[in-house]
């Protein structure tokens, strides 16, 4: 149910590994476009289907995969 996952600023920052672009903006990890603010990047992600991009799907899928990986690590830690 990837389509029901909402993307937060925290998810965006996690995807970009907390590294702003050198020009003082933020880069979409899906389409590589650069945005001046984190808010403008989040807005782009939310509206990407209407702009002809699949960035929203990319970030949702990434979030689901990250959460799955975290759960697997937690289960593995409990087994130690």
N, C-alpha and C. Protein backbone atom coordinates (compact mmCIF):
# COMPACT_ATOMS: atom_id res chain seq x y z
N UNK A 1 0.84 -1.19 0.00
CA UNK A 1 0.00 0.00 0.00
C UNK A 1 0.88 1.25 0.00
N UNK A 2 1.77 1.30 -0.94
CA UNK A 2 2.69 2.43 -1.06
C UNK A 2 1.92 3.72 -1.32
N UNK A 3 0.82 3.66 -2.06
CA UNK A 3 0.08 4.86 -2.43
C UNK A 3 -0.53 5.59 -1.24
N UNK A 4 -0.65 4.92 -0.09
CA UNK A 4 -1.23 5.57 1.09
C UNK A 4 -0.19 6.15 2.03
N UNK A 5 1.07 6.03 1.68
CA UNK A 5 2.17 6.53 2.50
C UNK A 5 2.32 8.02 2.26
N UNK A 6 2.37 8.80 3.35
CA UNK A 6 2.57 10.24 3.19
C UNK A 6 4.05 10.57 3.41
N UNK A 7 4.51 11.56 2.66
CA UNK A 7 5.91 11.96 2.71
C UNK A 7 6.04 13.18 3.59
N UNK A 8 6.96 13.13 4.55
CA UNK A 8 7.20 14.25 5.44
C UNK A 8 8.55 14.89 5.11
N UNK A 9 8.79 16.04 5.68
CA UNK A 9 10.08 16.71 5.51
C UNK A 9 11.20 15.79 6.00
N UNK A 10 10.94 15.09 7.07
CA UNK A 10 11.94 14.16 7.62
C UNK A 10 12.29 13.07 6.60
N UNK A 11 11.28 12.58 5.88
CA UNK A 11 11.53 11.57 4.85
C UNK A 11 12.39 12.14 3.72
N UNK A 12 12.10 13.37 3.35
CA UNK A 12 12.86 14.03 2.28
C UNK A 12 14.32 14.19 2.69
N UNK A 13 14.52 14.64 3.92
CA UNK A 13 15.88 14.83 4.42
C UNK A 13 16.62 13.50 4.53
N UNK A 14 15.91 12.46 4.95
CA UNK A 14 16.53 11.13 5.04
C UNK A 14 16.94 10.64 3.67
N UNK A 15 16.11 10.89 2.67
CA UNK A 15 16.42 10.46 1.31
C UNK A 15 17.62 11.21 0.75
N UNK A 16 17.76 12.46 1.14
CA UNK A 16 18.90 13.25 0.63
C UNK A 16 20.10 13.18 1.57
N UNK A 17 19.99 12.37 2.61
CA UNK A 17 21.06 12.15 3.58
C UNK A 17 21.53 13.45 4.23
N UNK A 18 20.58 14.33 4.46
CA UNK A 18 20.82 15.59 5.17
C UNK A 18 21.81 16.50 4.46
N UNK A 19 22.00 16.32 3.17
CA UNK A 19 22.99 17.13 2.46
C UNK A 19 22.32 18.10 1.49
N UNK A 20 22.25 19.37 1.85
CA UNK A 20 21.72 20.34 0.90
C UNK A 20 22.67 20.49 -0.28
N UNK A 21 22.14 20.88 -1.40
CA UNK A 21 22.94 21.10 -2.60
C UNK A 21 23.84 22.31 -2.37
N UNK A 22 25.00 22.32 -2.99
CA UNK A 22 25.98 23.38 -2.76
C UNK A 22 25.46 24.77 -3.13
N UNK A 23 24.52 24.87 -4.06
CA UNK A 23 23.99 26.17 -4.44
C UNK A 23 23.02 26.72 -3.39
N UNK A 24 22.88 26.04 -2.29
CA UNK A 24 22.01 26.52 -1.23
C UNK A 24 20.57 26.05 -1.37
N UNK A 25 20.37 24.96 -2.08
CA UNK A 25 19.02 24.43 -2.27
C UNK A 25 18.97 22.96 -1.93
N UNK A 26 17.89 22.32 -2.36
CA UNK A 26 17.69 20.90 -2.10
C UNK A 26 17.38 20.20 -3.41
N UNK A 27 17.98 19.04 -3.60
CA UNK A 27 17.80 18.31 -4.85
C UNK A 27 16.81 17.17 -4.67
N UNK A 28 15.89 17.07 -5.59
CA UNK A 28 14.97 15.93 -5.62
C UNK A 28 15.78 14.71 -6.02
N UNK A 29 15.76 13.67 -5.22
CA UNK A 29 16.55 12.47 -5.50
C UNK A 29 15.94 11.64 -6.62
N UNK A 30 14.76 11.97 -7.03
CA UNK A 30 14.12 11.23 -8.11
C UNK A 30 14.42 11.84 -9.48
N UNK A 31 14.13 13.12 -9.65
CA UNK A 31 14.29 13.76 -10.96
C UNK A 31 15.53 14.65 -11.04
N UNK A 32 16.22 14.84 -9.91
CA UNK A 32 17.46 15.62 -9.82
C UNK A 32 17.28 17.13 -9.99
N UNK A 33 16.03 17.61 -10.01
CA UNK A 33 15.83 19.05 -10.08
C UNK A 33 16.21 19.66 -8.73
N UNK A 34 16.65 20.92 -8.75
CA UNK A 34 17.08 21.60 -7.53
C UNK A 34 16.03 22.65 -7.16
N UNK A 35 15.71 22.71 -5.87
CA UNK A 35 14.70 23.63 -5.35
C UNK A 35 15.33 24.51 -4.27
N UNK A 36 14.94 25.79 -4.20
CA UNK A 36 15.58 26.72 -3.28
C UNK A 36 15.32 26.44 -1.81
N UNK A 37 14.17 25.84 -1.49
CA UNK A 37 13.84 25.56 -0.09
C UNK A 37 13.33 24.14 0.05
N UNK A 38 13.38 23.65 1.26
CA UNK A 38 12.84 22.33 1.56
C UNK A 38 11.34 22.30 1.30
N UNK A 39 10.66 23.40 1.62
CA UNK A 39 9.22 23.48 1.38
C UNK A 39 8.90 23.37 -0.11
N UNK A 40 9.69 24.04 -0.95
CA UNK A 40 9.43 23.97 -2.39
C UNK A 40 9.69 22.57 -2.94
N UNK A 41 10.67 21.86 -2.36
CA UNK A 41 10.91 20.48 -2.76
C UNK A 41 9.75 19.59 -2.35
N UNK A 42 9.27 19.77 -1.12
CA UNK A 42 8.12 18.98 -0.65
C UNK A 42 6.90 19.26 -1.53
N UNK A 43 6.69 20.51 -1.88
CA UNK A 43 5.57 20.88 -2.74
C UNK A 43 5.71 20.21 -4.12
N UNK A 44 6.92 20.21 -4.64
CA UNK A 44 7.18 19.54 -5.92
C UNK A 44 6.83 18.06 -5.85
N UNK A 45 7.27 17.40 -4.77
CA UNK A 45 7.01 15.96 -4.62
C UNK A 45 5.51 15.70 -4.59
N UNK A 46 4.79 16.52 -3.83
CA UNK A 46 3.34 16.33 -3.71
C UNK A 46 2.63 16.53 -5.04
N UNK A 47 3.11 17.45 -5.87
CA UNK A 47 2.44 17.78 -7.13
C UNK A 47 3.11 17.16 -8.35
N UNK A 48 4.12 16.33 -8.13
CA UNK A 48 4.88 15.76 -9.25
C UNK A 48 4.03 15.00 -10.27
N UNK A 49 2.99 14.28 -9.86
CA UNK A 49 2.20 13.58 -10.89
C UNK A 49 1.58 14.55 -11.91
N UNK A 50 1.20 15.73 -11.46
CA UNK A 50 0.59 16.71 -12.36
C UNK A 50 1.64 17.42 -13.21
N UNK A 51 2.92 17.32 -12.78
CA UNK A 51 4.01 17.93 -13.54
C UNK A 51 4.64 16.92 -14.50
N UNK A 52 4.14 15.69 -14.49
CA UNK A 52 4.68 14.66 -15.38
C UNK A 52 5.84 13.88 -14.79
N UNK A 53 6.05 13.98 -13.49
CA UNK A 53 7.14 13.26 -12.83
C UNK A 53 6.57 12.19 -11.90
N UNK A 54 7.39 11.22 -11.56
CA UNK A 54 6.96 10.16 -10.64
C UNK A 54 7.69 10.26 -9.30
N UNK A 55 8.09 11.46 -8.93
CA UNK A 55 8.85 11.67 -7.70
C UNK A 55 8.08 11.24 -6.46
N UNK A 56 6.79 11.47 -6.44
CA UNK A 56 5.97 11.10 -5.28
C UNK A 56 6.05 9.58 -5.07
N UNK A 57 5.95 8.83 -6.14
CA UNK A 57 6.04 7.37 -6.06
C UNK A 57 7.42 6.96 -5.56
N UNK A 58 8.45 7.62 -6.07
CA UNK A 58 9.83 7.32 -5.67
C UNK A 58 9.99 7.50 -4.15
N UNK A 59 9.59 8.66 -3.63
CA UNK A 59 9.77 8.93 -2.20
C UNK A 59 8.90 8.02 -1.34
N UNK A 60 7.69 7.72 -1.79
CA UNK A 60 6.83 6.81 -1.03
C UNK A 60 7.45 5.42 -0.97
N UNK A 61 7.93 4.94 -2.10
CA UNK A 61 8.55 3.61 -2.16
C UNK A 61 9.80 3.57 -1.29
N UNK A 62 10.60 4.62 -1.37
CA UNK A 62 11.81 4.70 -0.55
C UNK A 62 11.46 4.65 0.94
N UNK A 63 10.43 5.37 1.34
CA UNK A 63 10.01 5.39 2.74
C UNK A 63 9.58 3.99 3.20
N UNK A 64 8.80 3.30 2.37
CA UNK A 64 8.34 1.96 2.71
C UNK A 64 9.54 1.01 2.85
N UNK A 65 10.48 1.11 1.93
CA UNK A 65 11.67 0.25 1.99
C UNK A 65 12.52 0.55 3.23
N UNK A 66 12.67 1.84 3.56
CA UNK A 66 13.44 2.22 4.76
C UNK A 66 12.78 1.67 6.02
N UNK A 67 11.45 1.80 6.10
CA UNK A 67 10.74 1.31 7.29
C UNK A 67 10.85 -0.20 7.40
N UNK A 68 10.78 -0.89 6.27
CA UNK A 68 10.93 -2.34 6.27
C UNK A 68 12.32 -2.73 6.73
N UNK A 69 13.33 -2.03 6.24
CA UNK A 69 14.72 -2.30 6.63
C UNK A 69 14.92 -2.07 8.13
N UNK A 70 14.32 -0.98 8.65
CA UNK A 70 14.43 -0.68 10.08
C UNK A 70 13.82 -1.80 10.92
N UNK A 71 12.65 -2.27 10.51
CA UNK A 71 11.99 -3.35 11.26
C UNK A 71 12.83 -4.62 11.24
N UNK A 72 13.41 -4.92 10.08
CA UNK A 72 14.26 -6.11 9.98
C UNK A 72 15.48 -5.98 10.88
N UNK A 73 16.06 -4.78 10.96
CA UNK A 73 17.21 -4.57 11.83
C UNK A 73 16.83 -4.71 13.30
N UNK A 74 15.63 -4.22 13.64
CA UNK A 74 15.16 -4.33 15.03
C UNK A 74 14.95 -5.80 15.40
N UNK A 75 14.36 -6.56 14.50
CA UNK A 75 14.14 -8.00 14.75
C UNK A 75 15.48 -8.70 14.88
N UNK A 76 16.43 -8.39 14.01
CA UNK A 76 17.75 -8.99 14.07
C UNK A 76 18.45 -8.64 15.37
N UNK A 77 18.30 -7.42 15.85
CA UNK A 77 18.92 -6.99 17.11
C UNK A 77 18.35 -7.76 18.30
N UNK A 78 17.08 -8.08 18.24
CA UNK A 78 16.44 -8.82 19.32
C UNK A 78 16.93 -10.26 19.39
N UNK A 79 17.37 -10.78 18.26
CA UNK A 79 17.83 -12.17 18.20
C UNK A 79 19.25 -12.33 18.72
N UNK A 80 19.98 -11.26 18.88
CA UNK A 80 21.39 -11.34 19.29
C UNK A 80 21.50 -11.71 20.75
